[in-house]
Amino acid sequence: MAAAKPGWKRTVGGWAVTFGVFFLFQSAVARPYYIPSGSMMPTLRTGDRLVASKFPYGFSQASLMIHGKDIAALRLFGGTPARGDIVIVVRRGDGEDLIKRVIGLPGDTLEVRHGRLILNGKAVPRTARGRAMIPVDAALPCDEGPIAAFRRRGPDGKLYCQPPLYRETLPGGVSYDVIDLGDTILPNGYVSPGDSYGPITIPAGHVFLMGDNRDQSADSRFASAHKGLGGPVPLQTIAGRAEFVTLSYDGEGAWLNPLSYITSIRWARTGTTLRPAQ
């Protein structure tokens, strides 16, 4: 009869199995992410927590929970994201996970002219929807850069972030809201550097990504030296597809006040789908 393992060995073995299952699940099935910036407003807000599925586009080194900054070209069961998908991408150079929307596919010709997106020689249709009404809170103060000019009080006397809102529709019918301040000079003297780009042709095995907050997103339009994605990104750097918001926090919580963990939740955002409308 085999001798029983010492207690410490059983404990270490149990933790190793637990961590292995946790690592495998988050690398191959789904993983939670936190949104630290407003680059995807109005779709996502600072303080959102979301779940991204790892399998829709196949698996690569980027899929791993711990992946590093140099992503190998190998992909298993590889697929190409659909237009309008919100994806997690590993930024080449520093390995940071970013979240952006798929705008251009392999073979597309893409250009941004005076803030308008042009795909394959045709302007992508968009409809003005007035102004966004995003509540200002500790997590989303709306007081930095060009967006600060749109921090205003609503009819109820509360502060809102009220930048211009548009409904953009990609080829194939996928639509979503974007914030675009245009390429005019704002009261604070800001001119968006991302309002003129290209034209470029997206190479095979790559996609072009942009944030929904067009004037505050370091995406494929910007060089790596400016914290952008440095142009179209290789498919092997796509780590997964964003599915839905699990919880969202307004930043008012305090570590020493456990009750505030509940009161600081933006309950209306719980369960918000991140799949684009057709």
Protein backbone atom coordinates (compact mmCIF):
# COMPACT_ATOMS: atom_id res chain seq x y z
CA MET A 1 0.00 0.00 0.00
CA ALA A 2 1.44 3.38 -1.05
CA ALA A 3 2.26 5.83 1.67
CA ALA A 4 0.11 8.93 1.91
CA LYS A 5 1.66 12.16 0.69
CA PRO A 6 2.71 14.64 3.37
CA GLY A 7 0.17 17.38 4.02
CA TRP A 8 2.24 20.14 2.42
CA LYS A 9 2.61 18.16 -0.80
CA ARG A 10 -1.16 17.64 -1.04
CA THR A 11 -1.70 21.37 -0.46
CA VAL A 12 0.84 22.38 -3.12
CA GLY A 13 -0.56 19.84 -5.55
CA GLY A 14 -4.10 21.08 -5.00
CA TRP A 15 -3.12 24.68 -5.59
CA ALA A 16 -1.17 23.70 -8.71
CA VAL A 17 -4.21 21.94 -10.17
CA THR A 18 -6.47 24.88 -9.26
CA PHE A 19 -4.14 27.39 -10.89
CA GLY A 20 -3.75 25.15 -13.95
CA VAL A 21 -7.52 24.93 -14.45
CA PHE A 22 -7.86 28.69 -13.91
CA PHE A 23 -5.06 29.43 -16.41
CA LEU A 24 -6.50 27.03 -19.00
CA PHE A 25 -10.03 28.43 -18.67
CA GLN A 26 -8.93 32.07 -19.03
CA SER A 27 -6.63 31.20 -21.94
CA ALA A 28 -9.02 29.00 -23.93
CA VAL A 29 -12.61 29.84 -22.94
CA ALA A 30 -13.24 33.28 -21.44
CA ARG A 31 -11.48 35.96 -19.42
CA PRO A 32 -12.61 39.09 -17.57
CA TYR A 33 -11.17 42.49 -18.48
CA TYR A 34 -11.31 45.95 -16.91
CA ILE A 35 -11.76 49.17 -18.92
CA PRO A 36 -9.33 51.84 -17.64
CA SER A 37 -9.96 54.57 -20.24
CA GLY A 38 -12.61 56.24 -22.38
CA SER A 39 -11.24 55.21 -25.80
CA MET A 40 -14.34 53.09 -26.52
CA MET A 41 -17.01 55.55 -25.34
CA PRO A 42 -19.95 55.55 -25.65
CA THR A 43 -20.01 51.74 -26.01
CA LEU A 44 -17.69 51.17 -23.05
CA ARG A 45 -17.01 53.43 -20.09
CA THR A 46 -14.14 53.72 -17.66
CA GLY A 47 -14.94 51.36 -14.79
CA ASP A 48 -16.67 48.68 -16.91
CA ARG A 49 -15.81 45.04 -16.37
CA LEU A 50 -16.47 42.71 -19.26
CA VAL A 51 -16.06 39.14 -20.41
CA ALA A 52 -14.22 38.26 -23.62
CA SER A 53 -14.48 34.84 -25.23
CA LYS A 54 -11.16 33.37 -26.34
CA PHE A 55 -12.17 30.89 -29.06
CA PRO A 56 -14.04 32.78 -31.86
CA TYR A 57 -10.88 33.52 -33.91
CA GLY A 58 -8.74 30.54 -32.90
CA PHE A 59 -5.83 30.43 -30.50
CA SER A 60 -2.41 32.03 -30.47
CA GLN A 61 0.12 33.15 -27.89
CA ALA A 62 -2.05 36.27 -27.41
CA SER A 63 -4.84 34.03 -26.08
CA LEU A 64 -2.79 33.04 -23.04
CA MET A 65 -3.53 34.73 -19.72
CA ILE A 66 0.21 35.47 -19.53
CA HIS A 67 1.47 36.14 -23.04
CA GLY A 68 4.41 38.56 -23.10
CA LYS A 69 4.99 41.28 -25.69
CA ASP A 70 6.44 39.33 -28.64
CA ILE A 71 3.58 37.30 -30.13
CA ALA A 72 4.57 34.35 -32.32
CA ALA A 73 2.90 33.98 -35.72
CA LEU A 74 1.51 30.51 -34.96
CA ARG A 75 -2.30 30.28 -34.76
CA LEU A 76 -4.53 27.24 -34.29
CA PHE A 77 -8.06 27.03 -35.72
CA GLY A 78 -7.57 30.61 -36.94
CA GLY A 79 -10.47 32.75 -38.08
CA THR A 80 -10.92 36.39 -39.12
CA PRO A 81 -13.02 38.76 -36.98
CA ALA A 82 -16.18 40.18 -38.50
CA ARG A 83 -16.58 43.88 -39.20
CA GLY A 84 -17.78 45.67 -36.12
CA ASP A 85 -16.57 43.07 -33.61
CA ILE A 86 -15.03 44.49 -30.44
CA VAL A 87 -11.80 42.63 -29.82
CA ILE A 88 -8.97 42.38 -27.31
CA VAL A 89 -5.62 43.01 -29.02
CA VAL A 90 -2.09 42.68 -27.67
CA ARG A 91 -0.10 45.81 -28.53
CA ARG A 92 3.22 44.93 -30.10
CA GLY A 93 6.16 46.39 -28.26
CA ASP A 94 4.85 46.36 -24.69
CA GLY A 95 2.36 43.47 -24.62
CA GLU A 96 -0.47 45.55 -23.15
CA ASP A 97 -4.03 44.36 -23.77
CA LEU A 98 -6.19 46.98 -25.54
CA ILE A 99 -9.81 46.87 -26.64
CA LYS A 100 -10.87 48.24 -30.04
CA ARG A 101 -13.41 47.69 -32.83
CA VAL A 102 -12.67 45.89 -36.10
CA ILE A 103 -13.17 48.37 -38.94
CA GLY A 104 -11.13 47.09 -41.89
CA LEU A 105 -10.55 43.54 -43.12
CA PRO A 106 -7.72 42.05 -45.23
CA GLY A 107 -7.71 43.56 -48.73
CA ASP A 108 -9.75 46.65 -47.78
CA THR A 109 -8.55 50.11 -48.74
CA LEU A 110 -9.08 52.41 -45.78
CA GLU A 111 -8.82 56.16 -45.34
CA VAL A 112 -9.89 58.76 -42.79
CA ARG A 113 -10.57 62.17 -44.31
CA HIS A 114 -11.71 65.11 -42.15
CA GLY A 115 -12.78 62.57 -39.55
CA ARG A 116 -14.92 60.56 -41.97
CA LEU A 117 -14.17 56.89 -42.45
CA ILE A 118 -13.80 55.76 -46.07
CA LEU A 119 -13.72 52.07 -46.99
CA ASN A 120 -12.88 50.89 -50.48
CA GLY A 121 -13.45 54.35 -51.91
CA LYS A 122 -16.86 54.90 -50.29
CA ALA A 123 -17.67 56.99 -47.23
CA VAL A 124 -19.07 54.82 -44.45
CA PRO A 125 -22.63 56.06 -43.78
CA ARG A 126 -23.22 57.76 -40.47
CA THR A 127 -26.17 59.62 -38.99
CA ALA A 128 -25.99 62.44 -36.45
CA ARG A 129 -27.73 61.52 -33.20
CA GLY A 130 -27.38 64.77 -31.31
CA ARG A 131 -25.24 64.59 -28.20
CA ALA A 132 -24.35 61.72 -25.89
CA MET A 133 -25.62 62.00 -22.32
CA ILE A 134 -23.06 60.05 -20.29
CA PRO A 135 -23.30 60.72 -16.53
CA VAL A 136 -20.16 62.26 -15.03
CA ASP A 137 -18.79 60.41 -12.00
CA ALA A 138 -15.47 59.71 -10.29
CA ALA A 139 -14.49 57.05 -12.85
CA LEU A 140 -15.61 59.14 -15.82
CA PRO A 141 -15.00 62.81 -14.93
CA CYS A 142 -14.99 64.00 -18.57
CA ASP A 143 -12.36 66.62 -17.74
CA GLU A 144 -9.32 65.67 -19.82
CA GLY A 145 -8.20 66.69 -23.30
CA PRO A 146 -10.71 67.79 -25.94
CA ILE A 147 -13.62 65.98 -24.31
CA ALA A 148 -13.54 68.42 -21.37
CA ALA A 149 -15.26 71.06 -23.54
CA PHE A 150 -18.38 68.85 -23.50
CA ARG A 151 -18.78 68.50 -19.73
CA ARG A 152 -22.13 70.21 -19.21
CA ARG A 153 -25.19 70.14 -17.00
CA GLY A 154 -28.29 68.36 -18.21
CA PRO A 155 -31.94 69.40 -17.74
CA ASP A 156 -31.90 67.63 -14.36
CA GLY A 157 -29.01 69.80 -13.13
CA LYS A 158 -26.54 66.89 -13.07
CA LEU A 159 -23.24 66.86 -14.94
CA TYR A 160 -23.03 64.88 -18.17
CA CYS A 161 -20.43 64.25 -20.84
CA GLN A 162 -22.21 65.53 -23.97
CA PRO A 163 -19.98 65.16 -27.05
CA PRO A 164 -21.40 64.81 -30.59
CA LEU A 165 -22.84 61.33 -31.21
CA TYR A 166 -23.13 59.51 -34.55
CA ARG A 167 -24.49 56.16 -35.72
CA GLU A 168 -21.99 54.53 -38.07
CA THR A 169 -22.92 51.63 -40.37
CA LEU A 170 -20.23 49.42 -41.90
CA PRO A 171 -20.59 47.43 -45.13
CA GLY A 172 -22.77 44.43 -44.32
CA GLY A 173 -25.11 46.42 -42.08
CA VAL A 174 -23.33 46.34 -38.72
CA SER A 175 -23.92 49.61 -36.84
CA TYR A 176 -22.81 51.19 -33.57
CA ASP A 177 -22.46 54.63 -31.96
CA VAL A 178 -19.28 56.70 -32.13
CA ILE A 179 -18.15 59.97 -30.60
CA ASP A 180 -16.48 62.29 -33.10
CA LEU A 181 -15.53 65.87 -32.38
CA GLY A 182 -14.69 66.52 -36.03
CA ASP A 183 -11.49 68.15 -37.30
CA THR A 184 -12.50 71.68 -36.37
CA ILE A 185 -10.56 73.60 -33.75
CA LEU A 186 -12.29 73.34 -30.38
CA PRO A 187 -12.41 76.18 -27.81
CA ASN A 188 -9.27 74.77 -26.13
CA GLY A 189 -7.35 74.88 -29.43
CA TYR A 190 -7.34 71.10 -30.01
CA VAL A 191 -7.25 69.57 -33.49
CA SER A 192 -7.55 65.78 -33.66
CA PRO A 193 -4.44 64.20 -35.23
CA GLY A 194 -6.39 61.06 -36.17
CA ASP A 195 -8.83 62.80 -38.51
CA SER A 196 -6.52 62.33 -41.50
CA TYR A 197 -5.07 58.92 -42.27
CA GLY A 198 -4.16 56.85 -45.32
CA PRO A 199 -5.25 55.66 -47.73
CA ILE A 200 -3.73 52.26 -47.06
CA THR A 201 -4.52 48.72 -48.19
CA ILE A 202 -4.83 46.27 -45.32
CA PRO A 203 -2.48 43.33 -45.91
CA ALA A 204 -3.48 39.66 -45.77
CA GLY A 205 -3.63 38.29 -42.24
CA HIS A 206 -4.27 41.73 -40.70
CA VAL A 207 -7.22 43.85 -39.53
CA PHE A 208 -7.58 47.58 -38.88
CA LEU A 209 -8.85 48.59 -35.45
CA MET A 210 -10.31 51.87 -34.18
CA GLY A 211 -11.84 53.09 -30.93
CA ASP A 212 -15.42 54.36 -30.85
CA ASN A 213 -14.23 57.57 -29.17
CA ARG A 214 -12.52 58.66 -32.36
CA ASP A 215 -10.61 61.64 -30.98
CA GLN A 216 -9.33 59.91 -27.84
CA SER A 217 -8.24 56.49 -29.03
CA ALA A 218 -4.67 55.33 -29.68
CA ASP A 219 -5.51 52.71 -32.30
CA SER A 220 -4.35 51.53 -35.74
CA ARG A 221 -4.14 55.14 -36.94
CA PHE A 222 -1.26 55.90 -34.57
CA ALA A 223 2.34 54.74 -34.38
CA SER A 224 3.58 52.50 -31.58
CA ALA A 225 5.75 55.39 -30.37
CA HIS A 226 2.51 57.27 -29.61
CA LYS A 227 0.97 54.29 -27.79
CA GLY A 228 -1.00 53.30 -30.90
CA LEU A 229 -1.18 49.97 -32.69
CA GLY A 230 1.16 50.99 -35.50
CA GLY A 231 -1.23 50.34 -38.40
CA PRO A 232 -3.13 47.14 -39.24
CA VAL A 233 -2.55 44.44 -36.63
CA PRO A 234 -1.66 40.78 -37.32
CA LEU A 235 -4.45 38.34 -36.58
CA GLN A 236 -2.26 36.42 -34.14
CA THR A 237 -2.28 39.47 -31.82
CA ILE A 238 -6.08 39.25 -31.40
CA ALA A 239 -6.74 37.67 -28.00
CA GLY A 240 -10.53 37.37 -28.02
CA ARG A 241 -13.94 38.93 -28.66
CA ALA A 242 -15.74 41.15 -26.11
CA GLU A 243 -19.17 39.74 -25.28
CA PHE A 244 -20.94 41.66 -22.49
CA VAL A 245 -20.46 43.91 -19.49
CA THR A 246 -20.55 42.02 -16.20
CA LEU A 247 -20.30 44.93 -13.75
CA SER A 248 -19.50 48.62 -13.95
CA TYR A 249 -18.21 50.83 -11.13
CA ASP A 250 -18.51 54.61 -10.86
CA GLY A 251 -15.30 55.02 -8.87
CA GLU A 252 -17.04 56.16 -5.68
CA GLY A 253 -16.21 53.02 -3.72
CA ALA A 254 -13.81 53.03 -0.76
CA TRP A 255 -11.69 50.13 0.43
CA LEU A 256 -12.62 50.73 4.07
CA ASN A 257 -16.35 50.85 3.31
CA PRO A 258 -17.51 47.42 2.04
CA LEU A 259 -21.05 48.72 1.53
CA SER A 260 -19.73 51.12 -1.12
CA TYR A 261 -18.74 48.12 -3.26
CA ILE A 262 -22.47 47.70 -3.85
CA THR A 263 -23.59 51.33 -3.96
CA SER A 264 -20.90 52.24 -6.50
CA ILE A 265 -22.13 49.73 -9.09
CA ARG A 266 -23.74 51.19 -12.21
CA TRP A 267 -26.50 48.61 -12.20
CA ALA A 268 -28.02 49.75 -15.50
CA ARG A 269 -24.87 48.64 -17.37
CA THR A 270 -24.85 45.09 -16.00
CA GLY A 271 -25.41 42.61 -18.81
CA THR A 272 -24.97 45.18 -21.61
CA THR A 273 -24.16 43.29 -24.81
CA LEU A 274 -21.05 44.30 -26.74
CA ARG A 275 -22.04 42.63 -29.99
CA PRO A 276 -22.83 45.22 -32.70
CA ALA A 277 -26.37 45.68 -33.99
CA GLN A 278 -27.31 44.36 -37.43
